[in-house]
C-alpha cells in the first residue's frame, strides 16, 4: 500500500510545466514514430536516449513511459487508414480497421482503437502497481520447457485461426521459421545458410522483415489493384467532413463489444507481457483469437468487426504494464522498448532487482504514474484533437503518399540497422510477401514464425539438451504441460468443434 500511495502522490509531478512538457512531447513523438511504417517507438526512444543525460532521472523515466504507451497505440493509425501497421503490435488491428475504413467508418475504427487502448493501458499499469511482485514470482515458474511450449502454442493457434486457409497459413509460418534460421546458430558460433555471404552470416534483421512484409508488400498490392484502390479513395472523398465526435464510439457499440471482452483481452495482454520476449504482437494475437473463439459471429471477423479492434488494442496496450514487471524486478526486459528503459535506469545508477520497488520506489513510482496518465488522458485526447488529421492521410495523392511511405520505409530499415544489405532485404521481403499475398498465403503467420522462430529453436534445443533428448520432458514439467493442454483446448474449439447454428439466425458460434 505504501508503493500505491507513492504512485498516487507522483501525479502531482505532472503539475510541473517542465515535466508535463516532456511527458506530452514524448507521447506525441512516440505516436508519430509508431504511426509511420518503419519508424517504431523503439527507434524514437533510441534516438532520444542521449537526451536523457541532460534530464533528471525522474523526468527521463516519465518521458520514456509516455513514449512506450504511445508506441503501442500509435500503430493502429496507419493500420486502419492504409492497411499498413505502424507497429507489429497493430497487425491484428489492420484486419478489422481497414475494412471499416473502406466502408467509410475509419474515424469510428480509430475511436474504438483509442478507447480500447485507454482501457488496456490503464488496466495493465494499475495491475503493475498492485501485482508486480506476485506476477514476477509466477513468471519465474515458466522455465525452459514452458517457454518452448508457450511459443509453439502461439504459432499453432494463430495458424488455425486462419479459418478456411489453415494449410497456406501453416506453409507461411514454416517459411518464417526457415528464414529465422539464417545466420549464426543460436547455441554454437556457426553460420547457417549464409552461402558464403558475410552479410547473411549476421542473419536477417527483424525490422526489414516487418517493413517489407507490410509496408512494401502493401504498396505493391495497392498499385497492382489501382482501379479498386482509386474507387475506394473516390468513395472516401465523398464522405462528409470528418468531425471530432465521429471518433467517439457510441455507448451501444461499446456495450455490444462488452466489458468482458475488454477485461479479458487486457488480462491476456498483461500476462503475456510478463513473459520476457513475448511482446505486444503475441498479446494482440492471442486476445484476437480468443475474441473470435468466443464470438457469436465468428464469420464477421476480418470484415470490419469492432470487437476484433477492441480485443487487439486493449491487449497490446496492457502489455506495457506486464512487460515492466520482469524488467523492474529482475532486470529482464520484456521487449525492445523496456530494454532501452533498462539502459536509462543503469545509466543513472539504478540497478533493477527484487528490492527495487522498496529501496528506490521514489524513482519508479513517477514512471508508473506517467504510464497511467498517458493511457487515461493522452490517448483519448490525442485521438480526439488530431484524429481528423490522421484520417485524412487517405485523401493525399497516391503518388505522394506511397512515394513518401516507400522512402520512409526504406530509410527506416536502414536507420534501424545501419546496413545497406538489410535495406535491400526489405525490398526482397516486400516482393516475397507480395507474391504470397497474391496467392492467398497470410503474411501474418510468416512474420509470427520469423519473430518466434529463434526463441522456439533455442528453448527446444536447451530442453532436449537438459533431458538428454527425452521428449517426455514436455509432459512431465508442469509449465510446459499447462501450455500443451491449453493448445489442445484452442485446437478443439477452433479446428475440431463444429459450429453450432443459432436458432433464428444465420450466424454461427
Protein backbone atom coordinates (compact mmCIF):
# COMPACT_ATOMS: atom_id res chain seq x y z
CA UNK A 1 0.00 0.00 0.00
CA UNK A 2 2.98 2.30 0.60
CA UNK A 3 4.05 1.93 -3.02
CA UNK A 4 0.50 2.62 -4.23
CA UNK A 5 0.47 5.79 -2.14
CA UNK A 6 3.74 6.91 -3.73
CA UNK A 7 2.35 6.33 -7.22
CA UNK A 8 -0.74 8.40 -6.43
CA UNK A 9 1.41 11.18 -4.96
CA UNK A 10 3.59 11.16 -8.10
CA UNK A 11 0.72 12.51 -10.20
CA UNK A 12 1.49 15.85 -8.54
CA UNK A 13 4.75 15.98 -10.53
CA UNK A 14 2.69 16.43 -13.69
CA UNK A 15 1.72 19.87 -12.40
CA UNK A 16 5.32 20.90 -13.09
CA UNK A 17 5.28 22.52 -16.58
CA UNK A 18 8.69 21.10 -17.49
CA UNK A 19 7.78 17.55 -16.54
CA UNK A 20 4.40 17.81 -18.27
CA UNK A 21 6.09 19.15 -21.42
CA UNK A 22 8.45 16.18 -21.69
CA UNK A 23 5.68 13.67 -20.99
CA UNK A 24 3.34 15.17 -23.63
CA UNK A 25 6.16 15.71 -26.13
CA UNK A 26 7.33 12.13 -25.61
CA UNK A 27 3.82 10.83 -26.23
CA UNK A 28 3.40 12.84 -29.45
CA UNK A 29 6.83 11.78 -30.75
CA UNK A 30 6.08 8.16 -29.92
CA UNK A 31 2.71 8.38 -31.69
CA UNK A 32 4.23 9.84 -34.86
CA UNK A 33 7.09 7.34 -34.96
CA UNK A 34 4.84 4.35 -34.34
CA UNK A 35 2.32 5.54 -36.94
CA UNK A 36 4.95 5.76 -39.68
CA UNK A 37 5.82 2.29 -41.01
CA UNK A 38 9.47 1.60 -40.34
CA UNK A 39 9.90 4.22 -37.63
CA UNK A 40 8.84 2.50 -34.44
CA UNK A 41 8.60 3.91 -30.95
CA UNK A 42 11.67 1.79 -30.16
CA UNK A 43 13.61 3.82 -32.69
CA UNK A 44 12.21 7.07 -31.26
CA UNK A 45 13.32 6.11 -27.76
CA UNK A 46 16.73 5.01 -29.02
CA UNK A 47 17.24 8.30 -30.89
CA UNK A 48 16.15 10.31 -27.86
CA UNK A 49 18.26 8.30 -25.42
CA UNK A 50 21.11 10.86 -25.42
CA UNK A 51 18.58 13.47 -24.27
CA UNK A 52 18.12 11.58 -21.01
CA UNK A 53 21.64 12.58 -20.00
CA UNK A 54 20.52 16.20 -19.71
CA UNK A 55 17.36 15.41 -17.71
CA UNK A 56 16.96 14.32 -14.15
CA UNK A 57 16.22 10.62 -13.85
CA UNK A 58 12.60 11.10 -12.77
CA UNK A 59 11.69 13.24 -15.80
CA UNK A 60 13.60 10.93 -18.14
CA UNK A 61 11.76 7.83 -16.91
CA UNK A 62 8.38 9.58 -17.13
CA UNK A 63 9.10 10.61 -20.74
CA UNK A 64 10.18 7.03 -21.55
CA UNK A 65 6.90 5.72 -20.12
CA UNK A 66 4.82 8.05 -22.30
CA UNK A 67 6.78 7.07 -25.43
CA UNK A 68 6.26 3.41 -24.56
CA UNK A 69 2.48 3.79 -24.24
CA UNK A 70 2.29 5.87 -27.44
CA UNK A 71 4.27 3.23 -29.31
CA UNK A 72 1.63 0.62 -28.59
CA UNK A 73 -1.44 2.62 -29.61
CA UNK A 74 0.03 4.72 -32.45
CA UNK A 75 0.46 1.79 -34.82
CA UNK A 76 -3.32 1.49 -35.18
CA UNK A 77 -3.46 4.77 -37.14
CA UNK A 78 -1.87 3.59 -40.39
CA UNK A 79 -3.11 0.04 -39.76
CA UNK A 80 -6.63 1.44 -40.10
CA UNK A 81 -6.16 4.16 -42.71
CA UNK A 82 -3.90 2.44 -45.26
CA UNK A 83 -3.66 -1.18 -44.02
CA UNK A 84 -0.01 -0.82 -43.04
CA UNK A 85 0.55 -1.40 -39.31
CA UNK A 86 2.85 1.26 -37.97
CA UNK A 87 3.98 -1.21 -35.30
CA UNK A 88 3.97 -5.03 -35.15
CA UNK A 89 1.54 -4.92 -32.24
CA UNK A 90 -1.15 -3.46 -34.54
CA UNK A 91 -1.14 -6.23 -37.12
CA UNK A 92 -4.43 -7.69 -35.90
CA UNK A 93 -5.99 -4.21 -35.76
CA UNK A 94 -5.43 -3.88 -39.51
CA UNK A 95 -7.58 -6.97 -40.13
CA UNK A 96 -10.66 -5.16 -38.81
CA UNK A 97 -9.74 -1.48 -39.01
CA UNK A 98 -9.01 -1.29 -42.72
CA UNK A 99 -12.30 -2.93 -43.82
CA UNK A 100 -14.09 -0.34 -41.67
CA UNK A 101 -12.05 2.37 -43.37
CA UNK A 102 -13.13 1.03 -46.75
CA UNK A 103 -16.76 1.37 -45.64
CA UNK A 104 -16.16 4.99 -44.67
CA UNK A 105 -16.01 4.15 -40.94
CA UNK A 106 -12.34 4.92 -40.42
CA UNK A 107 -12.96 7.52 -37.66
CA UNK A 108 -15.12 5.06 -35.75
CA UNK A 109 -12.45 2.35 -36.09
CA UNK A 110 -9.80 4.69 -34.69
CA UNK A 111 -12.22 5.67 -31.93
CA UNK A 112 -12.66 2.03 -30.93
CA UNK A 113 -8.88 1.54 -31.07
CA UNK A 114 -8.32 4.61 -28.88
CA UNK A 115 -10.94 3.59 -26.31
CA UNK A 116 -9.61 0.02 -26.13
CA UNK A 117 -6.03 1.30 -25.85
CA UNK A 118 -7.08 3.51 -22.94
CA UNK A 119 -8.77 0.60 -21.14
CA UNK A 120 -5.88 -1.79 -21.73
CA UNK A 121 -3.20 0.76 -20.86
CA UNK A 122 -4.82 1.77 -17.58
CA UNK A 123 -5.61 -1.86 -16.70
CA UNK A 124 -2.04 -3.01 -17.30
CA UNK A 125 -0.48 -0.08 -15.44
CA UNK A 126 -2.76 -0.48 -12.40
CA UNK A 127 -2.10 -4.22 -12.24
CA UNK A 128 1.62 -3.48 -12.47
CA UNK A 129 1.34 -1.29 -9.39
CA UNK A 130 -0.74 -3.81 -7.46
CA UNK A 131 0.63 -7.20 -8.52
CA UNK A 132 4.21 -6.70 -9.71
CA UNK A 133 5.92 -8.81 -7.00
CA UNK A 134 3.45 -11.69 -7.29
CA UNK A 135 3.43 -11.81 -11.10
CA UNK A 136 7.21 -11.69 -11.23
CA UNK A 137 7.41 -14.75 -8.99
CA UNK A 138 4.87 -16.60 -11.14
CA UNK A 139 6.69 -15.74 -14.39
CA UNK A 140 9.83 -17.35 -12.98
CA UNK A 141 7.93 -20.63 -12.80
CA UNK A 142 7.90 -20.74 -16.62
CA UNK A 143 11.20 -22.46 -17.28
CA UNK A 144 12.88 -23.53 -20.50
CA UNK A 145 10.38 -26.25 -21.46
CA UNK A 146 7.45 -23.97 -20.61
CA UNK A 147 8.78 -21.18 -22.82
CA UNK A 148 9.16 -23.61 -25.71
CA UNK A 149 5.59 -24.86 -25.24
CA UNK A 150 4.30 -21.29 -25.00
CA UNK A 151 5.89 -20.27 -28.30
CA UNK A 152 4.59 -23.41 -30.01
CA UNK A 153 1.15 -22.64 -28.58
CA UNK A 154 1.20 -19.15 -30.12
CA UNK A 155 2.26 -20.49 -33.52
CA UNK A 156 -0.36 -23.24 -33.67
CA UNK A 157 -3.18 -21.02 -32.51
CA UNK A 158 -2.53 -18.21 -34.98
CA UNK A 159 -2.30 -20.75 -37.82
CA UNK A 160 -5.58 -22.49 -37.04
CA UNK A 161 -7.22 -19.10 -36.50
CA UNK A 162 -6.93 -18.56 -40.28
CA UNK A 163 -10.19 -20.41 -40.89
CA UNK A 164 -10.50 -21.90 -44.34
CA UNK A 165 -6.87 -21.13 -45.04
CA UNK A 166 -5.04 -23.24 -42.48
CA UNK A 167 -2.80 -25.10 -44.95
CA UNK A 168 -1.47 -21.92 -46.57
CA UNK A 169 -1.12 -20.29 -43.14
CA UNK A 170 0.98 -23.23 -41.93
CA UNK A 171 3.22 -23.05 -45.01
CA UNK A 172 3.74 -19.31 -44.49
CA UNK A 173 4.57 -19.89 -40.81
CA UNK A 174 7.10 -22.58 -41.75
CA UNK A 175 8.66 -20.20 -44.25
CA UNK A 176 9.03 -17.62 -41.46
CA UNK A 177 10.65 -20.26 -39.22
CA UNK A 178 13.07 -21.15 -42.03
CA UNK A 179 14.07 -17.52 -42.55
CA UNK A 180 14.72 -17.22 -38.82
CA UNK A 181 17.41 -19.93 -39.04
CA UNK A 182 19.58 -17.84 -41.38
CA UNK A 183 22.69 -16.52 -39.63
CA UNK A 184 24.61 -17.61 -36.56
CA UNK A 185 23.46 -20.71 -34.73
CA UNK A 186 21.60 -19.93 -31.52
CA UNK A 187 23.87 -22.16 -29.39
CA UNK A 188 27.16 -22.58 -31.24
CA UNK A 189 29.12 -19.93 -33.21
CA UNK A 190 28.48 -21.42 -36.65
CA UNK A 191 26.93 -19.54 -39.59
CA UNK A 192 23.98 -21.31 -41.22
CA UNK A 193 22.52 -20.85 -44.70
CA UNK A 194 24.79 -17.87 -45.38
CA UNK A 195 26.04 -19.22 -48.73
CA UNK A 196 29.44 -17.71 -48.06
CA UNK A 197 27.99 -14.18 -47.70
CA UNK A 198 29.28 -12.26 -44.71
CA UNK A 199 26.13 -10.13 -44.52
CA UNK A 200 23.89 -13.19 -44.32
CA UNK A 201 26.08 -14.68 -41.59
CA UNK A 202 24.69 -11.99 -39.29
CA UNK A 203 21.16 -13.13 -40.11
CA UNK A 204 18.11 -11.25 -41.36
CA UNK A 205 17.11 -8.41 -39.06
CA UNK A 206 13.56 -8.19 -37.77
CA UNK A 207 12.97 -4.63 -38.96
CA UNK A 208 13.46 -5.36 -42.70
CA UNK A 209 11.10 -8.32 -42.40
CA UNK A 210 8.40 -6.22 -40.71
CA UNK A 211 8.74 -3.29 -43.11
CA UNK A 212 8.98 -5.49 -46.19
CA UNK A 213 6.13 -7.79 -45.20
CA UNK A 214 3.68 -5.00 -44.51
CA UNK A 215 4.81 -1.68 -45.95
CA UNK A 216 6.45 -2.70 -49.24
CA UNK A 217 4.05 -5.58 -50.00
CA UNK A 218 1.05 -3.36 -49.24
CA UNK A 219 2.35 -0.72 -51.64
CA UNK A 220 2.84 -3.32 -54.37
CA UNK A 221 -0.59 -4.83 -53.70
CA UNK A 222 -2.38 -1.49 -53.88
CA UNK A 223 -0.50 -0.49 -57.01
CA UNK A 224 -1.47 -3.82 -58.60
CA UNK A 225 -5.11 -3.11 -57.68
CA UNK A 226 -5.02 0.54 -58.69
CA UNK A 227 -8.56 0.67 -60.05
CA UNK A 228 -10.08 -0.78 -56.89
CA UNK A 229 -7.97 1.45 -54.66
CA UNK A 230 -8.92 4.51 -56.67
CA UNK A 231 -12.60 3.65 -56.31
CA UNK A 232 -12.19 3.41 -52.53
CA UNK A 233 -10.36 6.73 -52.48
CA UNK A 234 -13.11 8.37 -54.53
CA UNK A 235 -15.72 6.96 -52.16
CA UNK A 236 -13.91 8.37 -49.16
CA UNK A 237 -13.63 11.75 -50.86
CA UNK A 238 -17.39 11.90 -50.98
CA UNK A 239 -17.74 11.27 -47.27
CA UNK A 240 -18.98 14.25 -45.33
CA UNK A 241 -16.48 16.34 -43.44
CA UNK A 242 -15.00 14.36 -40.61
CA UNK A 243 -15.97 15.64 -37.21
CA UNK A 244 -14.16 15.02 -33.98
CA UNK A 245 -17.26 13.44 -32.46
CA UNK A 246 -17.08 10.77 -35.19
CA UNK A 247 -14.13 9.35 -33.28
CA UNK A 248 -16.21 8.74 -30.16
CA UNK A 249 -17.83 5.27 -30.17
CA UNK A 250 -21.44 5.18 -29.07
CA UNK A 251 -22.41 3.62 -25.75
CA UNK A 252 -24.44 0.99 -27.57
CA UNK A 253 -21.41 -0.04 -29.66
CA UNK A 254 -19.27 -0.35 -26.54
CA UNK A 255 -21.99 -2.40 -24.82
CA UNK A 256 -22.14 -4.73 -27.84
CA UNK A 257 -18.43 -5.38 -27.54
CA UNK A 258 -18.93 -5.97 -23.83
CA UNK A 259 -16.90 -5.24 -20.72
CA UNK A 260 -15.86 -8.90 -20.63
CA UNK A 261 -14.03 -8.54 -23.96
CA UNK A 262 -12.05 -5.50 -22.78
CA UNK A 263 -11.15 -7.00 -19.41
CA UNK A 264 -10.34 -10.48 -20.73
CA UNK A 265 -8.18 -9.09 -23.54
CA UNK A 266 -6.39 -6.72 -21.15
CA UNK A 267 -5.70 -9.62 -18.78
CA UNK A 268 -4.29 -11.71 -21.63
CA UNK A 269 -2.07 -8.82 -22.73
CA UNK A 270 -0.80 -8.19 -19.22
CA UNK A 271 0.03 -11.85 -18.55
CA UNK A 272 1.76 -12.21 -21.93
CA UNK A 273 3.74 -9.04 -21.20
CA UNK A 274 5.20 -10.56 -18.03
CA UNK A 275 6.90 -13.23 -20.13
CA UNK A 276 10.20 -11.83 -21.47
CA UNK A 277 10.28 -11.55 -25.23
CA UNK A 278 6.58 -12.15 -25.79
CA UNK A 279 5.73 -8.52 -26.67
CA UNK A 280 2.60 -6.75 -27.85
CA UNK A 281 2.33 -8.80 -31.04
CA UNK A 282 1.73 -12.06 -29.20
CA UNK A 283 -0.67 -10.38 -26.76
CA UNK A 284 -2.70 -8.94 -29.63
CA UNK A 285 -2.70 -12.28 -31.47
CA UNK A 286 -3.93 -14.29 -28.50
CA UNK A 287 -6.60 -11.76 -27.49
CA UNK A 288 -7.87 -11.53 -31.06
CA UNK A 289 -8.06 -15.30 -31.41
CA UNK A 290 -9.90 -15.57 -28.08
CA UNK A 291 -12.38 -12.92 -29.27
CA UNK A 292 -13.02 -14.93 -32.45
CA UNK A 293 -13.41 -18.15 -30.47
CA UNK A 294 -15.98 -16.73 -28.06
CA UNK A 295 -17.90 -14.56 -30.53
CA UNK A 296 -21.42 -15.42 -31.65
CA UNK A 297 -20.50 -14.10 -35.10
CA UNK A 298 -17.03 -15.51 -35.85
CA UNK A 299 -17.52 -15.14 -39.61
CA UNK A 300 -17.78 -11.37 -39.22
CA UNK A 301 -14.14 -11.11 -38.16
CA UNK A 302 -11.79 -9.95 -40.88
CA UNK A 303 -14.60 -7.91 -42.39
CA UNK A 304 -14.59 -4.91 -40.07
CA UNK A 305 -15.74 -6.13 -36.64
CA UNK A 306 -15.03 -3.53 -33.90
CA UNK A 307 -14.74 -6.34 -31.34
CA UNK A 308 -11.54 -7.50 -33.06
CA UNK A 309 -10.10 -3.99 -32.74
CA UNK A 310 -11.12 -3.78 -29.10
CA UNK A 311 -9.53 -7.15 -28.28
CA UNK A 312 -6.23 -6.49 -30.06
CA UNK A 313 -5.73 -2.92 -28.87
CA UNK A 314 -6.69 -3.48 -25.24
CA UNK A 315 -4.31 -6.45 -25.12
CA UNK A 316 -1.26 -4.84 -26.74
CA UNK A 317 -1.55 -1.75 -24.53
CA UNK A 318 -1.94 -3.87 -21.40
CA UNK A 319 1.37 -5.47 -22.40
CA UNK A 320 3.09 -2.20 -21.37
CA UNK A 321 2.33 -2.81 -17.71
CA UNK A 322 3.16 -6.50 -17.89
CA UNK A 323 6.49 -6.07 -19.71
CA UNK A 324 7.79 -3.74 -16.99
CA UNK A 325 7.36 -6.44 -14.34
CA UNK A 326 10.38 -8.63 -15.24
CA UNK A 327 12.41 -5.53 -16.16
CA UNK A 328 11.91 -3.77 -12.82
CA UNK A 329 12.01 -6.81 -10.55
CA UNK A 330 14.73 -8.92 -12.24
CA UNK A 331 16.38 -6.72 -14.85
CA UNK A 332 14.97 -8.85 -17.68
CA UNK A 333 13.48 -6.64 -20.44
CA UNK A 334 10.20 -7.89 -21.83
CA UNK A 335 10.60 -6.20 -25.24
CA UNK A 336 12.99 -3.82 -27.09
CA UNK A 337 11.50 -0.67 -25.53
CA UNK A 338 11.86 -1.95 -21.97
CA UNK A 339 15.43 -2.90 -22.87
CA UNK A 340 16.10 0.77 -23.63
CA UNK A 341 14.30 1.84 -20.44
CA UNK A 342 16.57 -0.59 -18.59
CA UNK A 343 19.50 1.24 -20.16
CA UNK A 344 18.16 4.55 -18.83
CA UNK A 345 17.99 3.04 -15.33
CA UNK A 346 21.51 1.65 -15.48
CA UNK A 347 22.90 4.89 -16.90
CA UNK A 348 21.51 6.69 -13.87
CA UNK A 349 22.95 4.18 -11.43
CA UNK A 350 19.70 2.35 -10.71
CA UNK A 351 20.05 -1.43 -10.61
CA UNK A 352 16.76 -3.31 -11.17
CA UNK A 353 16.09 -6.15 -8.79
CA UNK A 354 13.61 -7.67 -6.33
CA UNK A 355 14.23 -4.85 -3.85
CA UNK A 356 13.94 -2.00 -6.36
CA UNK A 357 10.35 -1.09 -5.53
CA UNK A 358 11.25 -0.85 -1.88
CA UNK A 359 14.66 0.79 -1.95
CA UNK A 360 14.07 3.19 -4.86
CA UNK A 361 10.31 3.40 -5.10
CA UNK A 362 10.56 7.19 -5.25
CA UNK A 363 12.10 6.92 -8.72
CA UNK A 364 9.90 4.16 -10.09
CA UNK A 365 6.54 5.49 -8.84
CA UNK A 366 6.61 8.63 -11.09
CA UNK A 367 7.28 6.46 -14.15
CA UNK A 368 4.22 4.35 -13.42
CA UNK A 369 2.16 7.49 -12.80
CA UNK A 370 3.20 8.77 -16.24
CA UNK A 371 2.21 5.42 -17.75
CA UNK A 372 -1.29 5.69 -16.27
CA UNK A 373 -1.58 9.37 -17.25
CA UNK A 374 -0.59 8.60 -20.85
CA UNK A 375 -3.19 5.85 -21.13
CA UNK A 376 -6.04 7.60 -19.33
CA UNK A 377 -5.62 11.15 -20.64
CA UNK A 378 -3.22 11.40 -23.58
CA UNK A 379 -4.53 8.50 -25.70
CA UNK A 380 -8.17 9.67 -25.97
CA UNK A 381 -7.22 13.37 -26.02
CA UNK A 382 -4.73 12.91 -28.87
CA UNK A 383 -7.19 10.93 -30.95
CA UNK A 384 -9.97 13.48 -30.32
CA UNK A 385 -7.82 16.51 -31.22
CA UNK A 386 -5.70 15.04 -34.02
CA UNK A 387 -7.94 12.22 -35.30
CA UNK A 388 -9.29 14.21 -38.30
CA UNK A 389 -5.72 14.81 -39.44
CA UNK A 390 -4.86 11.13 -39.10
CA UNK A 391 -7.80 10.00 -41.22
CA UNK A 392 -7.08 12.49 -44.00
CA UNK A 393 -4.00 10.56 -44.96
CA UNK A 394 -6.18 8.55 -47.36
CA UNK A 395 -7.03 11.71 -49.29
CA UNK A 396 -3.43 12.51 -50.12
CA UNK A 397 -2.45 11.91 -53.73
CA UNK A 398 -1.43 8.29 -54.18
CA UNK A 399 1.91 9.10 -55.79
CA UNK A 400 2.82 11.45 -52.94
CA UNK A 401 1.50 9.18 -50.19
CA UNK A 402 3.01 5.91 -51.35
CA UNK A 403 6.22 7.53 -52.55
CA UNK A 404 6.68 9.04 -49.09
CA UNK A 405 5.81 5.78 -47.34
CA UNK A 406 8.24 3.83 -49.54
CA UNK A 407 11.03 6.31 -48.81
CA UNK A 408 10.35 6.32 -45.07
CA UNK A 409 10.08 2.54 -45.01
CA UNK A 410 13.41 2.01 -46.78
CA UNK A 411 15.16 4.76 -44.83
CA UNK A 412 13.62 3.44 -41.61
CA UNK A 413 15.00 -0.02 -42.31
CA UNK A 414 18.45 1.49 -42.84
CA UNK A 415 18.31 3.68 -39.75
CA UNK A 416 17.22 0.72 -37.66
CA UNK A 417 20.14 -1.46 -38.83
CA UNK A 418 22.68 0.90 -40.46
CA UNK A 419 23.16 -1.76 -43.11
CA UNK A 420 22.61 -1.36 -46.85
CA UNK A 421 22.29 -5.14 -47.08
CA UNK A 422 19.39 -5.16 -44.61
CA UNK A 423 17.84 -2.29 -46.56
CA UNK A 424 17.96 -4.45 -49.68
CA UNK A 425 16.45 -7.31 -47.68
CA UNK A 426 13.49 -5.02 -47.00
CA UNK A 427 12.78 -4.90 -50.73
CA UNK A 428 13.33 -8.66 -51.12
CA UNK A 429 10.92 -9.44 -48.27
CA UNK A 430 8.42 -6.98 -49.75
CA UNK A 431 8.41 -8.73 -53.13
CA UNK A 432 8.20 -12.17 -51.45
CA UNK A 433 5.28 -11.07 -49.25
CA UNK A 434 3.55 -9.54 -52.27
CA UNK A 435 3.57 -12.85 -54.17
CA UNK A 436 2.48 -14.75 -51.07
CA UNK A 437 -0.48 -12.41 -50.60
CA UNK A 438 -1.30 -12.63 -54.30
CA UNK A 439 -1.66 -16.42 -53.99
CA UNK A 440 -3.63 -16.38 -50.73
CA UNK A 441 -0.87 -17.02 -48.18
CA UNK A 442 -1.37 -14.94 -44.99
CA UNK A 443 1.83 -12.99 -44.31
CA UNK A 444 0.85 -12.51 -40.67
CA UNK A 445 1.81 -16.11 -39.94
CA UNK A 446 5.08 -15.68 -41.83
CA UNK A 447 6.02 -12.73 -39.64
CA UNK A 448 4.99 -14.53 -36.47
CA UNK A 449 7.09 -17.54 -37.47
CA UNK A 450 10.09 -15.29 -38.04
CA UNK A 451 9.65 -13.46 -34.73
CA UNK A 452 9.14 -16.57 -32.63
CA UNK A 453 11.47 -18.86 -34.56
CA UNK A 454 14.74 -18.08 -32.72
CA UNK A 455 13.10 -18.48 -29.31
CA UNK A 456 11.41 -21.74 -30.33
CA UNK A 457 14.69 -23.19 -31.59
CA UNK A 458 16.71 -22.07 -28.58
CA UNK A 459 14.30 -23.33 -25.94
CA UNK A 460 13.64 -26.59 -27.80
CA UNK A 461 17.33 -27.41 -28.10
CA UNK A 462 18.02 -26.41 -24.50
CA UNK A 463 15.14 -28.57 -23.29
CA UNK A 464 16.39 -31.59 -25.24
CA UNK A 465 19.95 -30.98 -24.06
CA UNK A 466 18.89 -30.89 -20.42
CA UNK A 467 16.77 -34.05 -20.83
CA UNK A 468 19.31 -35.95 -22.99
CA UNK A 469 16.91 -35.95 -25.92
CA UNK A 470 13.92 -37.21 -23.94
CA UNK A 471 10.76 -35.62 -25.40
CA UNK A 472 8.68 -36.70 -22.42
CA UNK A 473 10.17 -33.79 -20.50
CA UNK A 474 7.48 -31.57 -22.08
CA UNK A 475 4.70 -33.53 -20.37
CA UNK A 476 6.47 -34.16 -17.09
CA UNK A 477 7.14 -30.49 -16.42
CA UNK A 478 4.03 -28.64 -15.15
CA UNK A 479 4.67 -25.36 -17.01
CA UNK A 480 5.05 -26.97 -20.44
CA UNK A 481 2.18 -29.39 -19.74
CA UNK A 482 -0.08 -26.44 -18.99
CA UNK A 483 0.61 -24.80 -22.37
CA UNK A 484 0.27 -28.14 -24.19
CA UNK A 485 -3.18 -28.66 -22.65
CA UNK A 486 -4.08 -25.06 -23.48
CA UNK A 487 -3.01 -25.66 -27.09
CA UNK A 488 -5.29 -28.70 -27.23
CA UNK A 489 -8.20 -26.64 -25.91
CA UNK A 490 -7.72 -23.99 -28.60
CA UNK A 491 -7.33 -26.61 -31.35
CA UNK A 492 -10.56 -28.24 -30.24
CA UNK A 493 -12.61 -25.06 -30.22
CA UNK A 494 -11.11 -23.52 -33.35
CA UNK A 495 -10.47 -26.50 -35.62
CA UNK A 496 -12.34 -29.60 -34.40
CA UNK A 497 -15.59 -28.48 -32.81
CA UNK A 498 -18.34 -27.99 -35.38
CA UNK A 499 -20.02 -24.57 -35.48
CA UNK A 500 -23.44 -24.55 -33.83
CA UNK A 501 -26.27 -22.93 -35.74
CA UNK A 502 -28.16 -20.39 -33.69
CA UNK A 503 -31.94 -20.57 -33.69
CA UNK A 504 -33.46 -17.97 -35.91
CA UNK A 505 -30.12 -16.67 -37.08
CA UNK A 506 -27.70 -17.23 -39.93
CA UNK A 507 -24.70 -16.63 -37.71
CA UNK A 508 -22.71 -19.43 -36.11
CA UNK A 509 -20.75 -19.79 -32.93
